[in-house]
């Protein structure tokens, strides 16, 4: 059981114990701020591990800590910074789950001889009649976290348990109240956990100094409006903090890596009608067809919007029935059939 020291993972562990499972807790140390991987653990890391240890003790289960700082930095933090050089706005949580958290959880299970792995995510898994497994949205729509887990495949889903997927947040809170200990309601998955209080500018200055290179602010007709202090501080759809004066509202329409430009335009010029995604991943191994209708989320917690999906090569295109807000390169487009996650990919461009 992946235990963060928070409410959700403790409630999931308690639910499994009540079902009769033998549960062992594991806490991963990912590192916070810009500390080197061979530095002593930060106070934030130590504090989180201690919260998890206390929760495990209250549950009466064994617990251990695994240091994943080196692979987290290599597989998540460094690519996160590199994406800004491509004028993209990344979501590191998706890659953390796919490349670091779940592989480590499965390794720990193998070492312990455990059949199952579990987390406190608000999602569900369904075994289908053909023996495949589907990833489903959690029943609490406000807490659903399927967006950040869409890259889990059949091997992972066949071994995953998500007890919170069939519960509301209120039910989860009530479940852990019986433990009689203070638990932290951990931040949502879209938060950049590894900043841990670090100033965003300072973090990028150390990890990606080129991200702070200045460049022009242009309008969509290439007129110069001003100068920015780094593409990393802008994202598609942004309206505030643009550092320009205008008689009308302006929004970030796109970021151009080749000339380090921020391009501003009217609201209707912000991409929202279609997108092209790359590096696609399909939960059941293949998409349901080369062309089909579905719903898609273009960022965490955005409402799934009706769209036509066209699959080509290792990517796909989405054409929306109605405009969605601010299609942003670097974010993930996740495709759904009702509550089932079909798959998704990284947004390469939008219009």
Protein backbone atom coordinates (compact mmCIF):
# COMPACT_ATOMS: atom_id res chain seq x y z
CA UNK A 1 0.00 0.00 0.00
CA UNK A 2 1.50 3.31 -1.09
CA UNK A 3 1.19 5.55 1.97
CA UNK A 4 1.76 9.29 1.76
CA UNK A 5 0.90 10.05 5.37
CA UNK A 6 -2.37 11.63 4.29
CA UNK A 7 -6.05 10.90 4.67
CA UNK A 8 -6.62 9.14 1.35
CA UNK A 9 -3.94 6.48 1.62
CA UNK A 10 -4.75 5.75 5.28
CA UNK A 11 -8.44 5.33 4.43
CA UNK A 12 -7.60 2.99 1.55
CA UNK A 13 -5.37 0.87 3.80
CA UNK A 14 -8.09 0.68 6.45
CA UNK A 15 -10.67 -0.40 3.85
CA UNK A 16 -8.39 -3.23 2.71
CA UNK A 17 -7.80 -4.39 6.27
CA UNK A 18 -11.56 -4.47 6.86
CA UNK A 19 -11.91 -6.65 3.74
CA UNK A 20 -9.44 -9.14 5.19
CA UNK A 21 -6.27 -8.27 3.26
CA UNK A 22 -2.85 -8.43 4.88
CA UNK A 23 -1.46 -4.95 4.24
CA UNK A 24 2.08 -3.56 4.33
CA UNK A 25 2.72 0.14 3.88
CA UNK A 26 5.46 1.74 1.81
CA UNK A 27 6.35 5.42 1.54
CA UNK A 28 8.40 6.75 -1.35
CA UNK A 29 10.85 9.60 -0.90
CA UNK A 30 10.97 11.63 -4.11
CA UNK A 31 12.97 14.61 -2.92
CA UNK A 32 11.83 18.21 -2.57
CA UNK A 33 13.11 21.47 -3.92
CA UNK A 34 16.44 21.37 -5.73
CA UNK A 35 18.38 19.19 -3.30
CA UNK A 36 20.90 16.77 -4.78
CA UNK A 37 19.94 13.11 -4.63
CA UNK A 38 22.86 12.28 -2.33
CA UNK A 39 22.05 15.08 0.14
CA UNK A 40 20.52 14.21 3.52
CA UNK A 41 16.74 13.99 3.40
CA UNK A 42 14.98 17.33 3.67
CA UNK A 43 12.71 18.21 6.57
CA UNK A 44 9.76 17.90 4.19
CA UNK A 45 10.76 14.34 3.21
CA UNK A 46 11.37 13.32 6.81
CA UNK A 47 8.10 14.87 7.95
CA UNK A 48 6.05 13.08 5.29
CA UNK A 49 7.67 9.74 6.08
CA UNK A 50 6.94 10.23 9.77
CA UNK A 51 3.27 10.99 9.06
CA UNK A 52 3.04 7.77 7.06
CA UNK A 53 4.81 5.80 9.82
CA UNK A 54 2.32 7.10 12.40
CA UNK A 55 -0.63 6.21 10.17
CA UNK A 56 0.76 2.69 9.65
CA UNK A 57 1.28 2.29 13.39
CA UNK A 58 -2.32 3.34 14.06
CA UNK A 59 -3.47 0.76 11.52
CA UNK A 60 -1.23 -1.91 13.05
CA UNK A 61 0.64 -2.63 9.81
CA UNK A 62 4.31 -2.82 8.89
CA UNK A 63 5.84 0.13 7.09
CA UNK A 64 9.04 1.00 5.27
CA UNK A 65 10.51 3.93 3.36
CA UNK A 66 12.08 3.66 -0.11
CA UNK A 67 14.35 6.39 -1.47
CA UNK A 68 13.44 7.15 -5.11
CA UNK A 69 15.15 10.52 -5.38
CA UNK A 70 17.63 9.58 -8.10
CA UNK A 71 15.10 8.08 -10.53
CA UNK A 72 12.51 10.75 -9.71
CA UNK A 73 14.96 13.50 -10.64
CA UNK A 74 16.09 11.66 -13.79
CA UNK A 75 12.65 10.57 -15.03
CA UNK A 76 10.41 13.38 -13.81
CA UNK A 77 12.19 16.57 -12.70
CA UNK A 78 14.70 16.85 -15.55
CA UNK A 79 12.14 16.12 -18.32
CA UNK A 80 9.75 18.56 -16.58
CA UNK A 81 12.31 21.35 -16.91
CA UNK A 82 13.26 20.32 -20.46
CA UNK A 83 9.64 20.62 -21.63
CA UNK A 84 9.72 24.35 -20.95
CA UNK A 85 12.55 24.70 -23.46
CA UNK A 86 10.12 23.30 -26.04
CA UNK A 87 7.62 26.04 -25.11
CA UNK A 88 5.33 23.52 -23.42
CA UNK A 89 3.48 23.40 -20.11
CA UNK A 90 4.09 19.92 -18.67
CA UNK A 91 2.11 17.85 -16.17
CA UNK A 92 4.75 15.87 -14.21
CA UNK A 93 2.23 13.76 -12.28
CA UNK A 94 1.34 11.59 -15.28
CA UNK A 95 4.96 10.58 -15.89
CA UNK A 96 5.64 10.17 -12.18
CA UNK A 97 2.87 7.60 -11.89
CA UNK A 98 3.88 5.75 -15.06
CA UNK A 99 7.65 5.76 -14.72
CA UNK A 100 8.38 6.01 -11.00
CA UNK A 101 5.56 5.42 -8.54
CA UNK A 102 3.82 2.34 -9.91
CA UNK A 103 7.00 0.54 -11.09
CA UNK A 104 8.46 1.04 -7.59
CA UNK A 105 5.24 -0.15 -5.99
CA UNK A 106 5.26 -3.32 -8.11
CA UNK A 107 8.92 -3.95 -7.25
CA UNK A 108 8.15 -3.60 -3.56
CA UNK A 109 5.24 -6.02 -3.91
CA UNK A 110 7.47 -8.56 -5.62
CA UNK A 111 10.02 -8.28 -2.80
CA UNK A 112 7.28 -8.86 -0.24
CA UNK A 113 5.60 -11.66 -2.19
CA UNK A 114 2.40 -9.63 -2.47
CA UNK A 115 -0.21 -10.30 -5.17
CA UNK A 116 -1.75 -6.81 -5.13
CA UNK A 117 -0.66 -3.19 -4.96
CA UNK A 118 -2.91 -0.37 -3.81
CA UNK A 119 -3.02 3.43 -3.59
CA UNK A 120 -5.44 6.05 -2.34
CA UNK A 121 -6.34 7.33 -5.81
CA UNK A 122 -10.01 8.00 -6.58
CA UNK A 123 -10.32 5.65 -9.56
CA UNK A 124 -11.76 2.19 -10.24
CA UNK A 125 -10.61 -0.92 -12.11
CA UNK A 126 -12.99 -3.29 -13.91
CA UNK A 127 -12.15 -6.75 -15.21
CA UNK A 128 -13.89 -7.30 -18.55
CA UNK A 129 -15.38 -10.57 -19.87
CA UNK A 130 -12.50 -10.89 -22.37
CA UNK A 131 -9.95 -10.84 -19.53
CA UNK A 132 -8.77 -7.27 -20.12
CA UNK A 133 -8.91 -4.55 -17.47
CA UNK A 134 -10.44 -1.10 -17.73
CA UNK A 135 -9.61 2.05 -15.81
CA UNK A 136 -12.73 3.94 -14.69
CA UNK A 137 -13.37 7.34 -13.18
CA UNK A 138 -13.94 7.44 -9.42
CA UNK A 139 -17.58 7.75 -8.42
CA UNK A 140 -16.83 11.07 -6.71
CA UNK A 141 -16.54 13.26 -9.79
CA UNK A 142 -14.97 16.09 -7.79
CA UNK A 143 -12.12 13.84 -6.65
CA UNK A 144 -11.66 11.62 -9.72
CA UNK A 145 -7.96 11.14 -10.56
CA UNK A 146 -8.19 8.97 -13.67
CA UNK A 147 -6.59 11.74 -15.76
CA UNK A 148 -3.17 11.27 -14.11
CA UNK A 149 -3.32 7.47 -14.32
CA UNK A 150 -4.32 7.03 -17.98
CA UNK A 151 -0.90 5.61 -18.89
CA UNK A 152 -1.32 2.56 -16.64
CA UNK A 153 -1.54 -0.55 -18.79
CA UNK A 154 -2.89 -4.05 -18.45
CA UNK A 155 0.00 -5.38 -16.36
CA UNK A 156 -0.42 -2.68 -13.74
CA UNK A 157 -4.23 -2.65 -13.70
CA UNK A 158 -4.42 -6.43 -13.29
CA UNK A 159 -2.70 -6.01 -9.92
CA UNK A 160 -4.11 -2.70 -8.69
CA UNK A 161 -6.64 -2.07 -5.94
CA UNK A 162 -8.14 1.41 -5.48
CA UNK A 163 -10.48 1.27 -2.44
CA UNK A 164 -11.31 5.00 -2.59
CA UNK A 165 -12.66 4.74 -6.12
CA UNK A 166 -16.08 3.67 -4.88
CA UNK A 167 -16.23 6.24 -2.08
CA UNK A 168 -16.85 9.96 -1.76
CA UNK A 169 -14.38 12.22 -0.02
CA UNK A 170 -16.82 12.58 2.86
CA UNK A 171 -16.95 8.80 3.27
CA UNK A 172 -13.16 8.62 3.21
CA UNK A 173 -12.87 11.25 5.93
CA UNK A 174 -15.42 9.43 8.07
CA UNK A 175 -13.53 6.16 7.60
CA UNK A 176 -10.24 7.48 9.01
CA UNK A 177 -11.86 9.42 11.86
CA UNK A 178 -12.01 6.13 13.78
CA UNK A 179 -8.19 5.93 13.87
CA UNK A 180 -7.99 8.77 16.37
CA UNK A 181 -4.84 10.35 14.90
CA UNK A 182 -4.21 13.57 13.03
CA UNK A 183 -3.85 13.00 9.29
CA UNK A 184 -3.06 15.56 6.62
CA UNK A 185 -5.35 16.03 3.63
CA UNK A 186 -2.56 15.91 1.04
CA UNK A 187 -2.52 18.25 -1.98
CA UNK A 188 -4.24 17.15 -5.17
CA UNK A 189 -2.25 15.31 -7.84
CA UNK A 190 -2.02 18.31 -10.16
CA UNK A 191 0.17 20.19 -7.66
CA UNK A 192 3.93 20.21 -8.33
CA UNK A 193 4.89 18.32 -5.19
CA UNK A 194 8.66 18.54 -5.60
CA UNK A 195 8.75 22.34 -5.33
CA UNK A 196 7.93 21.96 -1.62
CA UNK A 197 7.81 25.67 -0.93
CA UNK A 198 10.58 26.57 -3.36
CA UNK A 199 10.09 29.70 -5.39
CA UNK A 200 9.20 28.63 -8.93
CA UNK A 201 11.69 31.06 -10.47
CA UNK A 202 14.52 29.89 -8.21
CA UNK A 203 13.80 26.26 -9.00
CA UNK A 204 13.94 26.84 -12.76
CA UNK A 205 17.01 29.05 -12.44
CA UNK A 206 18.87 26.10 -10.92
CA UNK A 207 17.38 23.28 -13.01
CA UNK A 208 16.76 25.02 -16.34
CA UNK A 209 18.48 28.43 -16.52
CA UNK A 210 17.65 28.74 -20.24
CA UNK A 211 13.97 28.78 -19.24
CA UNK A 212 14.56 32.30 -17.92
CA UNK A 213 15.92 33.71 -21.17
CA UNK A 214 14.06 36.88 -22.18
CA UNK A 215 12.20 37.22 -25.45
CA UNK A 216 9.59 39.26 -27.30
CA UNK A 217 5.89 39.51 -26.53
CA UNK A 218 4.05 39.75 -29.86
CA UNK A 219 0.48 39.98 -31.04
CA UNK A 220 -0.87 37.56 -33.63
CA UNK A 221 0.16 40.01 -36.39
CA UNK A 222 3.76 39.90 -35.10
CA UNK A 223 3.69 43.45 -33.70
CA UNK A 224 6.04 43.86 -30.72
CA UNK A 225 4.14 44.52 -27.48
CA UNK A 226 6.89 44.08 -24.91
CA UNK A 227 9.46 41.69 -23.50
CA UNK A 228 9.08 38.72 -21.15
CA UNK A 229 11.48 37.16 -18.64
CA UNK A 230 11.09 33.53 -19.62
CA UNK A 231 8.61 31.32 -21.50
CA UNK A 232 8.19 29.14 -18.41
CA UNK A 233 6.12 31.84 -16.73
CA UNK A 234 3.44 31.81 -19.44
CA UNK A 235 0.87 29.26 -20.53
CA UNK A 236 -1.83 29.17 -23.20
CA UNK A 237 -5.00 30.95 -22.06
CA UNK A 238 -3.22 33.09 -19.47
CA UNK A 239 -4.62 36.59 -19.05
CA UNK A 240 -3.02 38.05 -15.92
CA UNK A 241 0.62 38.97 -15.46
CA UNK A 242 1.29 39.52 -19.16
CA UNK A 243 3.44 42.64 -18.63
CA UNK A 244 1.78 44.61 -21.44
CA UNK A 245 -0.72 47.45 -21.55
CA UNK A 246 -3.79 47.10 -23.75
CA UNK A 247 -7.21 48.69 -24.11
CA UNK A 248 -8.75 45.22 -24.53
CA UNK A 249 -8.28 41.87 -22.76
CA UNK A 250 -5.42 39.83 -24.20
CA UNK A 251 -4.61 36.16 -23.67
CA UNK A 252 -1.64 33.93 -24.40
CA UNK A 253 -2.44 32.26 -27.72
CA UNK A 254 0.79 30.29 -28.11
CA UNK A 255 4.44 30.08 -27.11
CA UNK A 256 7.09 29.89 -29.84
CA UNK A 257 10.25 28.05 -28.88
CA UNK A 258 12.18 28.94 -32.03
CA UNK A 259 12.20 32.68 -31.30
CA UNK A 260 11.36 32.52 -27.58
CA UNK A 261 8.20 34.53 -28.21
CA UNK A 262 4.97 34.85 -26.24
CA UNK A 263 2.09 35.52 -28.65
CA UNK A 264 -1.01 37.30 -27.38
CA UNK A 265 -4.43 37.62 -28.96
CA UNK A 266 -8.17 37.91 -28.42
CA UNK A 267 -10.09 35.33 -26.42
CA UNK A 268 -11.47 33.68 -29.56
CA UNK A 269 -7.91 33.20 -30.85
CA UNK A 270 -6.99 30.94 -27.92
CA UNK A 271 -6.85 27.34 -29.26
CA UNK A 272 -10.02 25.42 -28.41
CA UNK A 273 -11.49 23.59 -31.40
CA UNK A 274 -9.06 20.76 -32.17
CA UNK A 275 -5.76 19.27 -31.07
CA UNK A 276 -3.08 16.86 -32.20
CA UNK A 277 -1.61 14.52 -29.59
CA UNK A 278 1.53 12.38 -29.73
CA UNK A 279 2.97 9.46 -27.78
CA UNK A 280 -0.47 7.91 -27.38
CA UNK A 281 -1.16 5.24 -24.77
CA UNK A 282 -4.31 3.07 -24.89
CA UNK A 283 -5.41 1.33 -21.69
CA UNK A 284 -6.43 -1.92 -23.43
CA UNK A 285 -3.44 -1.81 -25.76
CA UNK A 286 -5.32 -0.52 -28.82
CA UNK A 287 -7.87 2.25 -29.49
CA UNK A 288 -11.48 1.15 -30.08
CA UNK A 289 -11.17 2.18 -33.75
CA UNK A 290 -9.33 4.45 -36.15
CA UNK A 291 -12.14 7.00 -35.89
CA UNK A 292 -14.81 7.23 -33.19
CA UNK A 293 -16.76 9.61 -30.97
CA UNK A 294 -15.78 10.07 -27.33
CA UNK A 295 -15.26 12.69 -24.64
CA UNK A 296 -11.89 14.13 -23.69
CA UNK A 297 -10.24 16.12 -20.93
CA UNK A 298 -7.52 18.53 -22.05
CA UNK A 299 -6.19 19.20 -18.54
CA UNK A 300 -6.65 17.93 -15.01
CA UNK A 301 -10.15 18.66 -13.68
CA UNK A 302 -11.46 20.04 -16.97
CA UNK A 303 -14.92 18.67 -17.84
CA UNK A 304 -14.86 15.87 -20.46
CA UNK A 305 -16.00 17.40 -23.75
CA UNK A 306 -17.61 15.60 -26.74
CA UNK A 307 -15.22 15.14 -29.64
CA UNK A 308 -14.41 13.09 -32.73
CA UNK A 309 -11.21 11.06 -32.41
CA UNK A 310 -9.02 10.23 -35.40
CA UNK A 311 -6.11 7.86 -34.72
CA UNK A 312 -2.97 8.00 -36.86
CA UNK A 313 0.41 6.40 -36.15
CA UNK A 314 1.43 6.82 -32.53
CA UNK A 315 -0.89 9.80 -32.04
CA UNK A 316 -4.40 11.06 -32.59
CA UNK A 317 -6.43 14.18 -33.33
CA UNK A 318 -9.47 15.45 -31.46
CA UNK A 319 -12.15 17.67 -33.03
CA UNK A 320 -14.48 19.15 -30.43
CA UNK A 321 -18.22 19.73 -30.89
CA UNK A 322 -17.93 22.98 -28.93
CA UNK A 323 -14.90 25.06 -28.04
CA UNK A 324 -12.94 23.99 -24.99
CA UNK A 325 -10.72 26.40 -23.14
CA UNK A 326 -7.02 26.79 -23.82
CA UNK A 327 -5.66 23.67 -25.49
CA UNK A 328 -2.08 23.67 -24.22
CA UNK A 329 0.95 21.83 -25.67
CA UNK A 330 2.61 19.67 -23.03
CA UNK A 331 -0.60 18.89 -21.20
CA UNK A 332 -2.32 15.54 -21.71
CA UNK A 333 -5.50 14.84 -23.67
CA UNK A 334 -7.32 11.92 -22.04
CA UNK A 335 -10.11 10.18 -23.94
CA UNK A 336 -13.18 8.63 -22.26
CA UNK A 337 -16.14 6.45 -23.17
CA UNK A 338 -18.56 7.45 -20.42
CA UNK A 339 -16.60 6.60 -17.22
CA UNK A 340 -14.02 4.39 -18.94
CA UNK A 341 -10.59 5.76 -19.76
CA UNK A 342 -9.74 4.69 -23.32
CA UNK A 343 -6.31 6.29 -23.40
CA UNK A 344 -4.61 9.56 -24.11
CA UNK A 345 -1.53 11.37 -25.31
CA UNK A 346 0.60 14.48 -24.96
CA UNK A 347 -0.82 17.55 -26.67
CA UNK A 348 1.57 18.62 -29.43
CA UNK A 349 -0.47 21.49 -30.90
CA UNK A 350 -3.95 22.93 -30.89
CA UNK A 351 -6.13 25.29 -32.89
